[in-house]
């Protein structure tokens, strides 16, 4: 499935909810389904700056694809990173960089988060893109 198809799938998924209380509940449920990370990830090396909550993101590069793993100590934030991982994990750096998270606006998440959560979501997306830039450069050097 392409990144765009994953984004469209999430838009449809969120359209089934009538209000933001239901959408927040769904975001939290998605976070609960996130694969647990190894405790060694929960260090300053992987900790994301710019988030009010604690967020850790790691990425692995295998067969020209990036696989993300992440965790947070806050339920909503964990759900938000779960959504980003669902969309971007398992894709090439080029695909990640060519597909901005337009689905976030279509779902309306950006209008229903506090300013600090919105900044945190931006920081998480920026970190995913930074991994993509780094792995793209690394791949060019190796190729």
C-alpha atoms as a PDB file:
ATOM      1  CA  UNK A   1       0.000   0.000   0.000  1.00  0.00           C
ATOM      2  CA  UNK A   2       1.354   3.446  -0.886  1.00  0.00           C
ATOM      3  CA  UNK A   3       1.669   6.307   1.592  1.00  0.00           C
ATOM      4  CA  UNK A   4      -1.208   8.094  -0.152  1.00  0.00           C
ATOM      5  CA  UNK A   5      -3.409   5.001   0.107  1.00  0.00           C
ATOM      6  CA  UNK A   6      -2.600   4.753   3.815  1.00  0.00           C
ATOM      7  CA  UNK A   7      -3.491   8.433   4.270  1.00  0.00           C
ATOM      8  CA  UNK A   8      -6.804   7.920   2.439  1.00  0.00           C
ATOM      9  CA  UNK A   9      -7.536   4.864   4.588  1.00  0.00           C
ATOM     10  CA  UNK A  10      -7.036   6.913   7.773  1.00  0.00           C
ATOM     11  CA  UNK A  11      -9.268   9.722   6.462  1.00  0.00           C
ATOM     12  CA  UNK A  12     -12.069   7.198   5.822  1.00  0.00           C
ATOM     13  CA  UNK A  13     -11.466   5.601   9.223  1.00  0.00           C
ATOM     14  CA  UNK A  14     -11.902   8.938  11.010  1.00  0.00           C
ATOM     15  CA  UNK A  15     -14.976   9.886   8.967  1.00  0.00           C
ATOM     16  CA  UNK A  16     -16.954   7.181  10.766  1.00  0.00           C
ATOM     17  CA  UNK A  17     -16.756   9.098  14.061  1.00  0.00           C
ATOM     18  CA  UNK A  18     -19.336  11.780  14.791  1.00  0.00           C
ATOM     19  CA  UNK A  19     -17.484  13.963  17.252  1.00  0.00           C
ATOM     20  CA  UNK A  20     -14.009  14.712  18.546  1.00  0.00           C
ATOM     21  CA  UNK A  21     -14.487  12.777  21.736  1.00  0.00           C
ATOM     22  CA  UNK A  22     -14.848   9.613  19.622  1.00  0.00           C
ATOM     23  CA  UNK A  23     -11.881  10.609  17.458  1.00  0.00           C
ATOM     24  CA  UNK A  24      -9.661  11.203  20.508  1.00  0.00           C
ATOM     25  CA  UNK A  25     -10.735   7.825  21.870  1.00  0.00           C
ATOM     26  CA  UNK A  26      -9.768   6.200  18.548  1.00  0.00           C
ATOM     27  CA  UNK A  27      -6.375   7.951  18.582  1.00  0.00           C
ATOM     28  CA  UNK A  28      -5.743   6.617  22.105  1.00  0.00           C
ATOM     29  CA  UNK A  29      -6.764   3.093  21.006  1.00  0.00           C
ATOM     30  CA  UNK A  30      -4.321   3.271  18.089  1.00  0.00           C
ATOM     31  CA  UNK A  31      -1.584   4.217  20.551  1.00  0.00           C
ATOM     32  CA  UNK A  32      -2.414   1.227  22.744  1.00  0.00           C
ATOM     33  CA  UNK A  33      -1.941  -1.054  19.717  1.00  0.00           C
ATOM     34  CA  UNK A  34       1.529   0.330  19.006  1.00  0.00           C
ATOM     35  CA  UNK A  35       4.192  -2.365  19.249  1.00  0.00           C
ATOM     36  CA  UNK A  36       6.176  -2.064  22.475  1.00  0.00           C
ATOM     37  CA  UNK A  37       9.686  -0.703  22.050  1.00  0.00           C
ATOM     38  CA  UNK A  38      12.808  -2.069  23.657  1.00  0.00           C
ATOM     39  CA  UNK A  39      13.588  -0.158  26.849  1.00  0.00           C
ATOM     40  CA  UNK A  40      16.999   0.782  25.368  1.00  0.00           C
ATOM     41  CA  UNK A  41      15.104   3.153  23.044  1.00  0.00           C
ATOM     42  CA  UNK A  42      13.850   5.160  26.011  1.00  0.00           C
ATOM     43  CA  UNK A  43      17.057   7.161  26.367  1.00  0.00           C
ATOM     44  CA  UNK A  44      18.055  10.734  25.566  1.00  0.00           C
ATOM     45  CA  UNK A  45      19.583   9.532  22.293  1.00  0.00           C
ATOM     46  CA  UNK A  46      16.107   8.786  20.878  1.00  0.00           C
ATOM     47  CA  UNK A  47      14.128  11.347  22.855  1.00  0.00           C
ATOM     48  CA  UNK A  48      12.416  13.968  20.764  1.00  0.00           C
ATOM     49  CA  UNK A  49      12.847  17.618  21.653  1.00  0.00           C
ATOM     50  CA  UNK A  50       9.909  19.948  21.122  1.00  0.00           C
ATOM     51  CA  UNK A  51       7.280  17.769  22.761  1.00  0.00           C
ATOM     52  CA  UNK A  52       5.631  18.516  26.084  1.00  0.00           C
ATOM     53  CA  UNK A  53       5.349  14.764  26.697  1.00  0.00           C
ATOM     54  CA  UNK A  54       8.214  12.334  26.462  1.00  0.00           C
ATOM     55  CA  UNK A  55       8.503  10.813  22.981  1.00  0.00           C
ATOM     56  CA  UNK A  56      11.149   8.417  21.711  1.00  0.00           C
ATOM     57  CA  UNK A  57      11.580   7.618  18.014  1.00  0.00           C
ATOM     58  CA  UNK A  58      14.004   5.206  16.398  1.00  0.00           C
ATOM     59  CA  UNK A  59      14.328   4.104  12.794  1.00  0.00           C
ATOM     60  CA  UNK A  60      15.915   1.129  11.087  1.00  0.00           C
ATOM     61  CA  UNK A  61      16.943   1.076   7.435  1.00  0.00           C
ATOM     62  CA  UNK A  62      16.534  -2.272   5.704  1.00  0.00           C
ATOM     63  CA  UNK A  63      16.254  -3.025   1.964  1.00  0.00           C
ATOM     64  CA  UNK A  64      16.004   0.714   1.164  1.00  0.00           C
ATOM     65  CA  UNK A  65      12.986   1.086   3.475  1.00  0.00           C
ATOM     66  CA  UNK A  66      12.693   2.813   6.825  1.00  0.00           C
ATOM     67  CA  UNK A  67      10.954   1.116   9.725  1.00  0.00           C
ATOM     68  CA  UNK A  68      10.005   3.317  12.668  1.00  0.00           C
ATOM     69  CA  UNK A  69       9.431   2.444  16.277  1.00  0.00           C
ATOM     70  CA  UNK A  70       8.301   4.893  18.914  1.00  0.00           C
ATOM     71  CA  UNK A  71       6.727   5.345  22.309  1.00  0.00           C
ATOM     72  CA  UNK A  72       5.377   8.115  24.500  1.00  0.00           C
ATOM     73  CA  UNK A  73       4.345   8.524  28.104  1.00  0.00           C
ATOM     74  CA  UNK A  74       1.119  10.317  27.065  1.00  0.00           C
ATOM     75  CA  UNK A  75      -1.852   8.416  25.603  1.00  0.00           C
ATOM     76  CA  UNK A  76      -2.846  10.975  22.946  1.00  0.00           C
ATOM     77  CA  UNK A  77       0.750  11.537  21.858  1.00  0.00           C
ATOM     78  CA  UNK A  78       1.341   7.798  21.637  1.00  0.00           C
ATOM     79  CA  UNK A  79      -1.735   7.599  19.386  1.00  0.00           C
ATOM     80  CA  UNK A  80      -0.477  10.422  17.185  1.00  0.00           C
ATOM     81  CA  UNK A  81       2.923   8.798  16.692  1.00  0.00           C
ATOM     82  CA  UNK A  82       1.148   5.476  16.011  1.00  0.00           C
ATOM     83  CA  UNK A  83      -0.749   7.178  13.176  1.00  0.00           C
ATOM     84  CA  UNK A  84       2.459   8.606  11.692  1.00  0.00           C
ATOM     85  CA  UNK A  85       4.222   5.243  11.944  1.00  0.00           C
ATOM     86  CA  UNK A  86       1.265   3.520  10.286  1.00  0.00           C
ATOM     87  CA  UNK A  87       1.522   5.898   7.333  1.00  0.00           C
ATOM     88  CA  UNK A  88       5.303   6.191   6.917  1.00  0.00           C
ATOM     89  CA  UNK A  89       6.932   3.011   8.239  1.00  0.00           C
ATOM     90  CA  UNK A  90       8.020   0.516   5.598  1.00  0.00           C
ATOM     91  CA  UNK A  91       8.589   3.076   2.841  1.00  0.00           C
ATOM     92  CA  UNK A  92      11.652   4.434   1.082  1.00  0.00           C
ATOM     93  CA  UNK A  93      13.188   7.780   2.095  1.00  0.00           C
ATOM     94  CA  UNK A  94      12.095   9.211  -1.268  1.00  0.00           C
ATOM     95  CA  UNK A  95       8.464   8.169  -0.727  1.00  0.00           C
ATOM     96  CA  UNK A  96       8.436   9.633   2.780  1.00  0.00           C
ATOM     97  CA  UNK A  97       9.871  12.956   1.612  1.00  0.00           C
ATOM     98  CA  UNK A  98       7.483  13.144  -1.367  1.00  0.00           C
ATOM     99  CA  UNK A  99       4.337  12.657   0.753  1.00  0.00           C
ATOM    100  CA  UNK A 100       3.634  15.338   3.346  1.00  0.00           C
ATOM    101  CA  UNK A 101       1.041  14.467   6.022  1.00  0.00           C
ATOM    102  CA  UNK A 102      -1.911  16.162   4.292  1.00  0.00           C
ATOM    103  CA  UNK A 103      -4.287  13.660   5.897  1.00  0.00           C
ATOM    104  CA  UNK A 104      -3.828  15.362   9.287  1.00  0.00           C
ATOM    105  CA  UNK A 105      -5.634  18.455   8.004  1.00  0.00           C
ATOM    106  CA  UNK A 106      -8.322  16.401   6.255  1.00  0.00           C
ATOM    107  CA  UNK A 107      -9.012  14.502   9.480  1.00  0.00           C
ATOM    108  CA  UNK A 108      -8.958  17.840  11.335  1.00  0.00           C
ATOM    109  CA  UNK A 109      -6.449  16.782  13.960  1.00  0.00           C
ATOM    110  CA  UNK A 110      -4.453  19.974  13.579  1.00  0.00           C
ATOM    111  CA  UNK A 111      -7.519  22.063  14.540  1.00  0.00           C
ATOM    112  CA  UNK A 112      -8.332  20.007  17.631  1.00  0.00           C
ATOM    113  CA  UNK A 113      -4.983  19.822  19.386  1.00  0.00           C
ATOM    114  CA  UNK A 114      -3.660  22.239  21.950  1.00  0.00           C
ATOM    115  CA  UNK A 115      -0.812  24.443  20.669  1.00  0.00           C
ATOM    116  CA  UNK A 116       1.758  22.366  22.575  1.00  0.00           C
ATOM    117  CA  UNK A 117       0.390  19.066  21.184  1.00  0.00           C
ATOM    118  CA  UNK A 118       0.315  20.587  17.698  1.00  0.00           C
ATOM    119  CA  UNK A 119       3.982  21.592  18.061  1.00  0.00           C
ATOM    120  CA  UNK A 120       4.776  18.095  19.287  1.00  0.00           C
ATOM    121  CA  UNK A 121       3.027  16.525  16.283  1.00  0.00           C
ATOM    122  CA  UNK A 122       5.066  18.796  14.013  1.00  0.00           C
ATOM    123  CA  UNK A 123       8.261  17.764  15.806  1.00  0.00           C
ATOM    124  CA  UNK A 124       7.392  14.069  15.374  1.00  0.00           C
ATOM    125  CA  UNK A 125       6.771  14.530  11.655  1.00  0.00           C
ATOM    126  CA  UNK A 126       9.974  16.535  11.300  1.00  0.00           C
ATOM    127  CA  UNK A 127      11.931  13.722  12.992  1.00  0.00           C
ATOM    128  CA  UNK A 128      10.471  11.154  10.565  1.00  0.00           C
ATOM    129  CA  UNK A 129      11.504  13.380   7.654  1.00  0.00           C
ATOM    130  CA  UNK A 130      14.985  13.886   9.142  1.00  0.00           C
ATOM    131  CA  UNK A 131      15.474  10.119   9.323  1.00  0.00           C
ATOM    132  CA  UNK A 132      14.393   9.943   5.668  1.00  0.00           C
ATOM    133  CA  UNK A 133      16.905  12.644   4.659  1.00  0.00           C
ATOM    134  CA  UNK A 134      19.697  10.931   6.617  1.00  0.00           C
ATOM    135  CA  UNK A 135      19.005   7.460   5.211  1.00  0.00           C
ATOM    136  CA  UNK A 136      18.673   8.839   1.681  1.00  0.00           C
ATOM    137  CA  UNK A 137      22.114  10.467   2.005  1.00  0.00           C
ATOM    138  CA  UNK A 138      23.598   7.326   3.547  1.00  0.00           C
ATOM    139  CA  UNK A 139      22.153   5.199   0.778  1.00  0.00           C
ATOM    140  CA  UNK A 140      23.687   7.467  -1.886  1.00  0.00           C
ATOM    141  CA  UNK A 141      27.118   7.175  -0.246  1.00  0.00           C
ATOM    142  CA  UNK A 142      26.869   3.391  -0.148  1.00  0.00           C
ATOM    143  CA  UNK A 143      25.503   3.119  -3.689  1.00  0.00           C
END
